[in-house]
Amino acid sequence: MFKEKTQSILKAFEVNVRESAPRGVMAWFKDCAIVLSVRNVGVAFPLALDSSIEIPLGKPLQHPTVSAFLFSVDTVEFEDKNMGNSQFNMKGFSFRFVDR
């Protein structure tokens, strides 16, 4: 059971590779630098087989307990210069499975 849940989570992060656009189409990017920086990101993925679990809109008096996969990153940075000189950095990556 645990192995199947883990495989389904990892499958959700798979990326399909596609052909890049021709250089002529992206020529207006050639003298630009693209920088993307994201800090303090955390996500919880519930691992419940019951699809009837609803996200509470307010603060409920009783919380249903659901196992979850917790994923957090302190810093993610991506930098691309001249459409080819790229760099990706990720710092403070952690994940955890919790029972409740």
PDB file of N, CA and C in Angstrom:
ATOM      1  N   MET A   1       0.825  -1.188   0.000  1.00  0.00           N
ATOM      2  CA  MET A   1       0.000   0.000   0.000  1.00  0.00           C
ATOM      3  C   MET A   1       0.872   1.255   0.000  1.00  0.00           C
ATOM      4  N   PHE A   2       1.860   1.297   0.894  1.00  0.00           N
ATOM      5  CA  PHE A   2       2.742   2.458   0.991  1.00  0.00           C
ATOM      6  C   PHE A   2       3.521   2.664  -0.305  1.00  0.00           C
ATOM      7  N   LYS A   3       3.986   1.550  -0.904  1.00  0.00           N
ATOM      8  CA  LYS A   3       4.754   1.635  -2.149  1.00  0.00           C
ATOM      9  C   LYS A   3       3.903   2.235  -3.272  1.00  0.00           C
ATOM     10  N   GLU A   4       2.649   1.818  -3.361  1.00  0.00           N
ATOM     11  CA  GLU A   4       1.764   2.337  -4.416  1.00  0.00           C
ATOM     12  C   GLU A   4       1.494   3.826  -4.219  1.00  0.00           C
ATOM     13  N   LYS A   5       1.290   4.250  -2.960  1.00  0.00           N
ATOM     14  CA  LYS A   5       1.053   5.671  -2.688  1.00  0.00           C
ATOM     15  C   LYS A   5       2.275   6.502  -3.059  1.00  0.00           C
ATOM     16  N   THR A   6       3.456   6.000  -2.704  1.00  0.00           N
ATOM     17  CA  THR A   6       4.698   6.714  -3.018  1.00  0.00           C
ATOM     18  C   THR A   6       4.886   6.828  -4.528  1.00  0.00           C
ATOM     19  N   GLN A   7       4.645   5.735  -5.248  1.00  0.00           N
ATOM     20  CA  GLN A   7       4.786   5.770  -6.702  1.00  0.00           C
ATOM     21  C   GLN A   7       3.797   6.740  -7.344  1.00  0.00           C
ATOM     22  N   SER A   8       2.575   6.809  -6.828  1.00  0.00           N
ATOM     23  CA  SER A   8       1.594   7.736  -7.412  1.00  0.00           C
ATOM     24  C   SER A   8       1.990   9.188  -7.155  1.00  0.00           C
ATOM     25  N   ILE A   9       2.603   9.470  -6.006  1.00  0.00           N
ATOM     26  CA  ILE A   9       3.061  10.832  -5.715  1.00  0.00           C
ATOM     27  C   ILE A   9       4.205  11.203  -6.637  1.00  0.00           C
ATOM     28  N   LEU A  10       5.176  10.308  -6.792  1.00  0.00           N
ATOM     29  CA  LEU A  10       6.313  10.600  -7.664  1.00  0.00           C
ATOM     30  C   LEU A  10       5.882  10.734  -9.120  1.00  0.00           C
ATOM     31  N   LYS A  11       4.887   9.975  -9.529  1.00  0.00           N
ATOM     32  CA  LYS A  11       4.386  10.068 -10.899  1.00  0.00           C
ATOM     33  C   LYS A  11       3.758  11.439 -11.156  1.00  0.00           C
ATOM     34  N   ALA A  12       3.201  12.064 -10.111  1.00  0.00           N
ATOM     35  CA  ALA A  12       2.593  13.389 -10.253  1.00  0.00           C
ATOM     36  C   ALA A  12       3.635  14.451 -10.592  1.00  0.00           C
ATOM     37  N   PHE A  13       4.904  14.218 -10.231  1.00  0.00           N
ATOM     38  CA  PHE A  13       5.962  15.189 -10.493  1.00  0.00           C
ATOM     39  C   PHE A  13       6.693  14.943 -11.813  1.00  0.00           C
ATOM     40  N   GLU A  14       6.308  13.920 -12.580  1.00  0.00           N
ATOM     41  CA  GLU A  14       6.976  13.642 -13.844  1.00  0.00           C
ATOM     42  C   GLU A  14       6.729  14.774 -14.838  1.00  0.00           C
ATOM     43  N   VAL A  15       7.741  15.035 -15.656  1.00  0.00           N
ATOM     44  CA  VAL A  15       7.660  16.107 -16.641  1.00  0.00           C
ATOM     45  C   VAL A  15       7.850  15.511 -18.026  1.00  0.00           C
ATOM     46  N   ASN A  16       6.960  15.853 -18.940  1.00  0.00           N
ATOM     47  CA  ASN A  16       7.102  15.410 -20.321  1.00  0.00           C
ATOM     48  C   ASN A  16       8.014  16.370 -21.065  1.00  0.00           C
ATOM     49  N   VAL A  17       9.030  15.834 -21.719  1.00  0.00           N
ATOM     50  CA  VAL A  17       9.972  16.660 -22.456  1.00  0.00           C
ATOM     51  C   VAL A  17       9.405  16.915 -23.846  1.00  0.00           C
ATOM     52  N   ARG A  18       9.443  18.160 -24.254  1.00  0.00           N
ATOM     53  CA  ARG A  18       8.983  18.500 -25.597  1.00  0.00           C
ATOM     54  C   ARG A  18      10.079  19.277 -26.306  1.00  0.00           C
ATOM     55  N   GLU A  19       9.966  19.332 -27.604  1.00  0.00           N
ATOM     56  CA  GLU A  19      10.975  20.039 -28.380  1.00  0.00           C
ATOM     57  C   GLU A  19      10.915  21.527 -28.085  1.00  0.00           C
ATOM     58  N   SER A  20      12.081  22.163 -28.013  1.00  0.00           N
ATOM     59  CA  SER A  20      12.114  23.595 -27.750  1.00  0.00           C
ATOM     60  C   SER A  20      11.763  24.368 -29.024  1.00  0.00           C
ATOM     61  N   ALA A  21      11.367  25.597 -28.838  1.00  0.00           N
ATOM     62  CA  ALA A  21      11.002  26.456 -29.962  1.00  0.00           C
ATOM     63  C   ALA A  21      12.252  26.815 -30.763  1.00  0.00           C
ATOM     64  N   PRO A  22      12.126  27.004 -32.062  1.00  0.00           N
ATOM     65  CA  PRO A  22      13.276  27.417 -32.872  1.00  0.00           C
ATOM     66  C   PRO A  22      13.835  28.754 -32.401  1.00  0.00           C
ATOM     67  N   ARG A  23      15.119  28.946 -32.595  1.00  0.00           N
ATOM     68  CA  ARG A  23      15.780  30.185 -32.139  1.00  0.00           C
ATOM     69  C   ARG A  23      15.145  31.439 -32.743  1.00  0.00           C
ATOM     70  N   GLY A  24      14.676  31.376 -33.966  1.00  0.00           N
ATOM     71  CA  GLY A  24      14.078  32.540 -34.608  1.00  0.00           C
ATOM     72  C   GLY A  24      12.817  33.009 -33.912  1.00  0.00           C
ATOM     73  N   VAL A  25      12.026  32.065 -33.410  1.00  0.00           N
ATOM     74  CA  VAL A  25      10.781  32.402 -32.731  1.00  0.00           C
ATOM     75  C   VAL A  25      11.071  33.114 -31.403  1.00  0.00           C
ATOM     76  N   MET A  26      12.148  32.731 -30.733  1.00  0.00           N
ATOM     77  CA  MET A  26      12.479  33.293 -29.433  1.00  0.00           C
ATOM     78  C   MET A  26      13.577  34.359 -29.525  1.00  0.00           C
ATOM     79  N   ALA A  27      13.805  34.930 -30.686  1.00  0.00           N
ATOM     80  CA  ALA A  27      14.894  35.895 -30.882  1.00  0.00           C
ATOM     81  C   ALA A  27      14.734  37.132 -30.003  1.00  0.00           C
ATOM     82  N   TRP A  28      13.525  37.518 -29.666  1.00  0.00           N
ATOM     83  CA  TRP A  28      13.326  38.714 -28.849  1.00  0.00           C
ATOM     84  C   TRP A  28      13.770  38.500 -27.409  1.00  0.00           C
ATOM     85  N   PHE A  29      14.086  37.230 -27.013  1.00  0.00           N
ATOM     86  CA  PHE A  29      14.629  36.937 -25.694  1.00  0.00           C
ATOM     87  C   PHE A  29      16.153  36.927 -25.665  1.00  0.00           C
ATOM     88  N   LYS A  30      16.805  37.032 -26.834  1.00  0.00           N
ATOM     89  CA  LYS A  30      18.242  36.754 -26.899  1.00  0.00           C
ATOM     90  C   LYS A  30      19.103  37.696 -26.053  1.00  0.00           C
ATOM     91  N   ASP A  31      18.680  38.909 -25.827  1.00  0.00           N
ATOM     92  CA  ASP A  31      19.476  39.839 -25.027  1.00  0.00           C
ATOM     93  C   ASP A  31      18.893  40.051 -23.627  1.00  0.00           C
ATOM     94  N   CYS A  32      18.037  39.156 -23.203  1.00  0.00           N
ATOM     95  CA  CYS A  32      17.388  39.295 -21.903  1.00  0.00           C
ATOM     96  C   CYS A  32      17.907  38.253 -20.910  1.00  0.00           C
ATOM     97  N   ALA A  33      17.795  38.579 -19.674  1.00  0.00           N
ATOM     98  CA  ALA A  33      18.068  37.632 -18.600  1.00  0.00           C
ATOM     99  C   ALA A  33      16.758  37.392 -17.858  1.00  0.00           C
ATOM    100  N   ILE A  34      16.439  36.142 -17.641  1.00  0.00           N
ATOM    101  CA  ILE A  34      15.230  35.776 -16.923  1.00  0.00           C
ATOM    102  C   ILE A  34      15.655  35.223 -15.573  1.00  0.00           C
ATOM    103  N   VAL A  35      15.141  35.806 -14.508  1.00  0.00           N
ATOM    104  CA  VAL A  35      15.483  35.370 -13.157  1.00  0.00           C
ATOM    105  C   VAL A  35      14.184  35.121 -12.396  1.00  0.00           C
ATOM    106  N   LEU A  36      14.074  33.940 -11.800  1.00  0.00           N
ATOM    107  CA  LEU A  36      12.910  33.577 -11.016  1.00  0.00           C
ATOM    108  C   LEU A  36      13.411  33.076  -9.660  1.00  0.00           C
ATOM    109  N   SER A  37      12.904  33.661  -8.590  1.00  0.00           N
ATOM    110  CA  SER A  37      13.302  33.272  -7.240  1.00  0.00           C
ATOM    111  C   SER A  37      12.050  33.105  -6.384  1.00  0.00           C
ATOM    112  N   VAL A  38      11.932  31.951  -5.740  1.00  0.00           N
ATOM    113  CA  VAL A  38      10.797  31.649  -4.879  1.00  0.00           C
ATOM    114  C   VAL A  38      11.354  31.218  -3.531  1.00  0.00           C
ATOM    115  N   ARG A  39      10.798  31.767  -2.458  1.00  0.00           N
ATOM    116  CA  ARG A  39      11.294  31.452  -1.112  1.00  0.00           C
ATOM    117  C   ARG A  39      10.161  30.969  -0.210  1.00  0.00           C
ATOM    118  N   ASN A  40      10.542  30.070   0.690  1.00  0.00           N
ATOM    119  CA  ASN A  40       9.636  29.557   1.732  1.00  0.00           C
ATOM    120  C   ASN A  40       8.333  29.007   1.161  1.00  0.00           C
ATOM    121  N   VAL A  41       8.446  27.916   0.435  1.00  0.00           N
ATOM    122  CA  VAL A  41       7.294  27.266  -0.172  1.00  0.00           C
ATOM    123  C   VAL A  41       7.040  25.945   0.537  1.00  0.00           C
ATOM    124  N   GLY A  42       5.797  25.691   0.882  1.00  0.00           N
ATOM    125  CA  GLY A  42       5.434  24.426   1.502  1.00  0.00           C
ATOM    126  C   GLY A  42       4.091  23.961   0.988  1.00  0.00           C
ATOM    127  N   VAL A  43       3.986  22.650   0.759  1.00  0.00           N
ATOM    128  CA  VAL A  43       2.753  22.071   0.237  1.00  0.00           C
ATOM    129  C   VAL A  43       2.473  20.773   0.984  1.00  0.00           C
ATOM    130  N   ALA A  44       1.218  20.526   1.305  1.00  0.00           N
ATOM    131  CA  ALA A  44       0.796  19.266   1.914  1.00  0.00           C
ATOM    132  C   ALA A  44      -0.149  18.560   0.957  1.00  0.00           C
ATOM    133  N   PHE A  45       0.173  17.317   0.623  1.00  0.00           N
ATOM    134  CA  PHE A  45      -0.662  16.500  -0.251  1.00  0.00           C
ATOM    135  C   PHE A  45      -1.344  15.425   0.595  1.00  0.00           C
ATOM    136  N   PRO A  46      -2.672  15.449   0.724  1.00  0.00           N
ATOM    137  CA  PRO A  46      -3.356  14.411   1.499  1.00  0.00           C
ATOM    138  C   PRO A  46      -3.217  13.059   0.810  1.00  0.00           C
ATOM    139  N   LEU A  47      -3.027  12.022   1.606  1.00  0.00           N
ATOM    140  CA  LEU A  47      -2.882  10.670   1.081  1.00  0.00           C
ATOM    141  C   LEU A  47      -4.092   9.823   1.458  1.00  0.00           C
ATOM    142  N   ALA A  48      -5.267  10.346   1.220  1.00  0.00           N
ATOM    143  CA  ALA A  48      -6.500   9.660   1.582  1.00  0.00           C
ATOM    144  C   ALA A  48      -7.130   9.029   0.355  1.00  0.00           C
ATOM    145  N   LEU A  49      -7.622   7.829   0.525  1.00  0.00           N
ATOM    146  CA  LEU A  49      -8.332   7.164  -0.568  1.00  0.00           C
ATOM    147  C   LEU A  49      -9.785   7.623  -0.646  1.00  0.00           C
ATOM    148  N   ASP A  50     -10.262   8.250   0.409  1.00  0.00           N
ATOM    149  CA  ASP A  50     -11.647   8.711   0.487  1.00  0.00           C
ATOM    150  C   ASP A  50     -11.774  10.058  -0.222  1.00  0.00           C
ATOM    151  N   SER A  51     -12.451  10.101  -1.348  1.00  0.00           N
ATOM    152  CA  SER A  51     -12.584  11.344  -2.112  1.00  0.00           C
ATOM    153  C   SER A  51     -13.641  12.276  -1.524  1.00  0.00           C
ATOM    154  N   SER A  52     -14.322  11.848  -0.483  1.00  0.00           N
ATOM    155  CA  SER A  52     -15.361  12.696   0.099  1.00  0.00           C
ATOM    156  C   SER A  52     -14.810  13.687   1.119  1.00  0.00           C
ATOM    157  N   ILE A  53     -13.507  13.672   1.374  1.00  0.00           N
ATOM    158  CA  ILE A  53     -12.925  14.621   2.319  1.00  0.00           C
ATOM    159  C   ILE A  53     -12.959  16.006   1.694  1.00  0.00           C
ATOM    160  N   GLU A  54     -13.504  16.953   2.441  1.00  0.00           N
ATOM    161  CA  GLU A  54     -13.621  18.318   1.939  1.00  0.00           C
ATOM    162  C   GLU A  54     -12.695  19.241   2.715  1.00  0.00           C
ATOM    163  N   ILE A  55     -12.204  20.267   2.056  1.00  0.00           N
ATOM    164  CA  ILE A  55     -11.367  21.266   2.700  1.00  0.00           C
ATOM    165  C   ILE A  55     -12.279  22.202   3.484  1.00  0.00           C
ATOM    166  N   PRO A  56     -12.033  22.363   4.790  1.00  0.00           N
ATOM    167  CA  PRO A  56     -12.912  23.236   5.579  1.00  0.00           C
ATOM    168  C   PRO A  56     -12.728  24.701   5.191  1.00  0.00           C
ATOM    169  N   LEU A  57     -13.828  25.445   5.139  1.00  0.00           N
ATOM    170  CA  LEU A  57     -13.768  26.860   4.781  1.00  0.00           C
ATOM    171  C   LEU A  57     -13.438  27.734   5.982  1.00  0.00           C
ATOM    172  N   GLY A  58     -13.808  27.307   7.148  1.00  0.00           N
ATOM    173  CA  GLY A  58     -13.517  28.048   8.366  1.00  0.00           C
ATOM    174  C   GLY A  58     -12.686  27.192   9.293  1.00  0.00           C
ATOM    175  N   LYS A  59     -12.695  27.539  10.569  1.00  0.00           N
ATOM    176  CA  LYS A  59     -11.992  26.733  11.556  1.00  0.00           C
ATOM    177  C   LYS A  59     -12.984  25.755  12.179  1.00  0.00           C
ATOM    178  N   PRO A  60     -12.939  24.493  11.747  1.00  0.00           N
ATOM    179  CA  PRO A  60     -13.885  23.524  12.319  1.00  0.00           C
ATOM    180  C   PRO A  60     -13.480  23.163  13.746  1.00  0.00           C
ATOM    181  N   LEU A  61     -14.452  22.699  14.506  1.00  0.00           N
ATOM    182  CA  LEU A  61     -14.175  22.308  15.883  1.00  0.00           C
ATOM    183  C   LEU A  61     -13.387  21.005  15.941  1.00  0.00           C
ATOM    184  N   GLN A  62     -13.657  20.093  15.015  1.00  0.00           N
ATOM    185  CA  GLN A  62     -12.925  18.835  14.960  1.00  0.00           C
ATOM    186  C   GLN A  62     -12.296  18.691  13.587  1.00  0.00           C
ATOM    187  N   HIS A  63     -11.016  18.343  13.567  1.00  0.00           N
ATOM    188  CA  HIS A  63     -10.301  18.149  12.312  1.00  0.00           C
ATOM    189  C   HIS A  63     -10.265  16.667  11.967  1.00  0.00           C
ATOM    190  N   PRO A  64     -10.635  16.294  10.759  1.00  0.00           N
ATOM    191  CA  PRO A  64     -10.454  14.893  10.379  1.00  0.00           C
ATOM    192  C   PRO A  64      -8.951  14.635  10.189  1.00  0.00           C
ATOM    193  N   THR A  65      -8.472  13.505  10.675  1.00  0.00           N
ATOM    194  CA  THR A  65      -7.048  13.201  10.524  1.00  0.00           C
ATOM    195  C   THR A  65      -6.839  12.432   9.233  1.00  0.00           C
ATOM    196  N   VAL A  66      -5.882  12.895   8.443  1.00  0.00           N
ATOM    197  CA  VAL A  66      -5.564  12.300   7.149  1.00  0.00           C
ATOM    198  C   VAL A  66      -4.051  12.234   7.024  1.00  0.00           C
ATOM    199  N   SER A  67      -3.542  11.091   6.587  1.00  0.00           N
ATOM    200  CA  SER A  67      -2.107  10.996   6.314  1.00  0.00           C
ATOM    201  C   SER A  67      -1.767  11.940   5.170  1.00  0.00           C
ATOM    202  N   ALA A  68      -0.522  12.460   5.183  1.00  0.00           N
ATOM    203  CA  ALA A  68      -0.153  13.439   4.157  1.00  0.00           C
ATOM    204  C   ALA A  68       1.333  13.346   3.816  1.00  0.00           C
ATOM    205  N   PHE A  69       1.649  13.852   2.646  1.00  0.00           N
ATOM    206  CA  PHE A  69       3.026  14.017   2.189  1.00  0.00           C
ATOM    207  C   PHE A  69       3.321  15.509   2.271  1.00  0.00           C
ATOM    208  N   LEU A  70       4.300  15.892   3.095  1.00  0.00           N
ATOM    209  CA  LEU A  70       4.659  17.297   3.268  1.00  0.00           C
ATOM    210  C   LEU A  70       5.922  17.579   2.483  1.00  0.00           C
ATOM    211  N   PHE A  71       5.933  18.675   1.752  1.00  0.00           N
ATOM    212  CA  PHE A  71       7.052  19.046   0.882  1.00  0.00           C
ATOM    213  C   PHE A  71       7.353  20.517   1.137  1.00  0.00           C
ATOM    214  N   SER A  72       8.623  20.844   1.413  1.00  0.00           N
ATOM    215  CA  SER A  72       8.966  22.250   1.618  1.00  0.00           C
ATOM    216  C   SER A  72      10.342  22.568   1.038  1.00  0.00           C
ATOM    217  N   VAL A  73      10.484  23.816   0.606  1.00  0.00           N
ATOM    218  CA  VAL A  73      11.734  24.306   0.026  1.00  0.00           C
ATOM    219  C   VAL A  73      11.979  25.709   0.574  1.00  0.00           C
ATOM    220  N   ASP A  74      13.198  25.950   1.057  1.00  0.00           N
ATOM    221  CA  ASP A  74      13.540  27.291   1.528  1.00  0.00           C
ATOM    222  C   ASP A  74      13.703  28.257   0.356  1.00  0.00           C
ATOM    223  N   THR A  75      14.485  27.855  -0.665  1.00  0.00           N
ATOM    224  CA  THR A  75      14.750  28.738  -1.808  1.00  0.00           C
ATOM    225  C   THR A  75      14.856  27.939  -3.111  1.00  0.00           C
ATOM    226  N   VAL A  76      14.171  28.422  -4.143  1.00  0.00           N
ATOM    227  CA  VAL A  76      14.304  27.883  -5.494  1.00  0.00           C
ATOM    228  C   VAL A  76      14.648  29.068  -6.391  1.00  0.00           C
ATOM    229  N   GLU A  77      15.756  28.950  -7.130  1.00  0.00           N
ATOM    230  CA  GLU A  77      16.172  30.038  -8.023  1.00  0.00           C
ATOM    231  C   GLU A  77      16.477  29.476  -9.411  1.00  0.00           C
ATOM    232  N   PHE A  78      15.982  30.169 -10.419  1.00  0.00           N
ATOM    233  CA  PHE A  78      16.267  29.811 -11.804  1.00  0.00           C
ATOM    234  C   PHE A  78      16.727  31.073 -12.521  1.00  0.00           C
ATOM    235  N   GLU A  79      17.800  30.942 -13.284  1.00  0.00           N
ATOM    236  CA  GLU A  79      18.330  32.079 -14.036  1.00  0.00           C
ATOM    237  C   GLU A  79      18.723  31.607 -15.426  1.00  0.00           C
ATOM    238  N   ASP A  80      18.310  32.361 -16.441  1.00  0.00           N
ATOM    239  CA  ASP A  80      18.645  32.042 -17.824  1.00  0.00           C
ATOM    240  C   ASP A  80      19.144  33.307 -18.509  1.00  0.00           C
ATOM    241  N   LYS A  81      20.326  33.216 -19.080  1.00  0.00           N
ATOM    242  CA  LYS A  81      20.900  34.347 -19.807  1.00  0.00           C
ATOM    243  C   LYS A  81      21.139  33.931 -21.253  1.00  0.00           C
ATOM    244  N   ASN A  82      20.725  34.774 -22.160  1.00  0.00           N
ATOM    245  CA  ASN A  82      20.952  34.566 -23.594  1.00  0.00           C
ATOM    246  C   ASN A  82      20.395  33.248 -24.102  1.00  0.00           C
ATOM    247  N   MET A  83      19.250  32.841 -23.582  1.00  0.00           N
ATOM    248  CA  MET A  83      18.547  31.646 -24.064  1.00  0.00           C
ATOM    249  C   MET A  83      19.444  30.415 -24.138  1.00  0.00           C
ATOM    250  N   GLY A  84      20.158  30.099 -23.113  1.00  0.00           N
ATOM    251  CA  GLY A  84      20.959  28.880 -23.146  1.00  0.00           C
ATOM    252  C   GLY A  84      21.872  28.700 -21.953  1.00  0.00           C
ATOM    253  N   ASN A  85      22.337  29.778 -21.378  1.00  0.00           N
ATOM    254  CA  ASN A  85      23.196  29.690 -20.204  1.00  0.00           C
ATOM    255  C   ASN A  85      22.295  29.722 -18.971  1.00  0.00           C
ATOM    256  N   SER A  86      21.845  28.548 -18.545  1.00  0.00           N
ATOM    257  CA  SER A  86      20.858  28.466 -17.480  1.00  0.00           C
ATOM    258  C   SER A  86      21.460  27.892 -16.208  1.00  0.00           C
ATOM    259  N   GLN A  87      20.836  28.269 -15.090  1.00  0.00           N
ATOM    260  CA  GLN A  87      21.271  27.777 -13.791  1.00  0.00           C
ATOM    261  C   GLN A  87      20.046  27.595 -12.908  1.00  0.00           C
ATOM    262  N   PHE A  88      20.003  26.482 -12.180  1.00  0.00           N
ATOM    263  CA  PHE A  88      18.897  26.186 -11.271  1.00  0.00           C
ATOM    264  C   PHE A  88      19.489  25.808  -9.921  1.00  0.00           C
ATOM    265  N   ASN A  89      19.032  26.456  -8.845  1.00  0.00           N
ATOM    266  CA  ASN A  89      19.483  26.159  -7.487  1.00  0.00           C
ATOM    267  C   ASN A  89      18.274  25.928  -6.597  1.00  0.00           C
ATOM    268  N   MET A  90      18.381  24.907  -5.745  1.00  0.00           N
ATOM    269  CA  MET A  90      17.338  24.647  -4.765  1.00  0.00           C
ATOM    270  C   MET A  90      18.024  24.409  -3.426  1.00  0.00           C
ATOM    271  N   LYS A  91      17.610  25.158  -2.404  1.00  0.00           N
ATOM    272  CA  LYS A  91      18.221  25.053  -1.074  1.00  0.00           C
ATOM    273  C   LYS A  91      17.148  24.748  -0.044  1.00  0.00           C
ATOM    274  N   GLY A  92      17.520  23.950   0.934  1.00  0.00           N
ATOM    275  CA  GLY A  92      16.604  23.657   2.035  1.00  0.00           C
ATOM    276  C   GLY A  92      15.436  22.793   1.641  1.00  0.00           C
ATOM    277  N   PHE A  93      15.656  21.789   0.809  1.00  0.00           N
ATOM    278  CA  PHE A  93      14.607  20.888   0.348  1.00  0.00           C
ATOM    279  C   PHE A  93      14.342  19.815   1.409  1.00  0.00           C
ATOM    280  N   SER A  94      13.083  19.584   1.727  1.00  0.00           N
ATOM    281  CA  SER A  94      12.746  18.502   2.652  1.00  0.00           C
ATOM    282  C   SER A  94      11.360  17.959   2.333  1.00  0.00           C
ATOM    283  N   PHE A  95      11.170  16.689   2.654  1.00  0.00           N
ATOM    284  CA  PHE A  95       9.847  16.100   2.524  1.00  0.00           C
ATOM    285  C   PHE A  95       9.660  15.088   3.637  1.00  0.00           C
ATOM    286  N   ARG A  96       8.387  14.815   3.933  1.00  0.00           N
ATOM    287  CA  ARG A  96       8.065  13.943   5.048  1.00  0.00           C
ATOM    288  C   ARG A  96       6.673  13.356   4.861  1.00  0.00           C
ATOM    289  N   PHE A  97       6.510  12.117   5.262  1.00  0.00           N
ATOM    290  CA  PHE A  97       5.206  11.490   5.324  1.00  0.00           C
ATOM    291  C   PHE A  97       4.746  11.531   6.771  1.00  0.00           C
ATOM    292  N   VAL A  98       3.516  11.970   7.010  1.00  0.00           N
ATOM    293  CA  VAL A  98       2.975  12.037   8.366  1.00  0.00           C
ATOM    294  C   VAL A  98       1.674  11.255   8.454  1.00  0.00           C
ATOM    295  N   ASP A  99       1.413  10.717   9.640  1.00  0.00           N
ATOM    296  CA  ASP A  99       0.188   9.936   9.861  1.00  0.00           C
ATOM    297  C   ASP A  99      -1.035  10.804  10.059  1.00  0.00           C
ATOM    298  N   ARG A 100      -0.839  12.008  10.576  1.00  0.00           N
ATOM    299  CA  ARG A 100      -1.994  12.866  10.883  1.00  0.00           C
ATOM    300  C   ARG A 100      -1.671  14.314  10.659  1.00  0.00           C
TER     301      ARG A 100
END
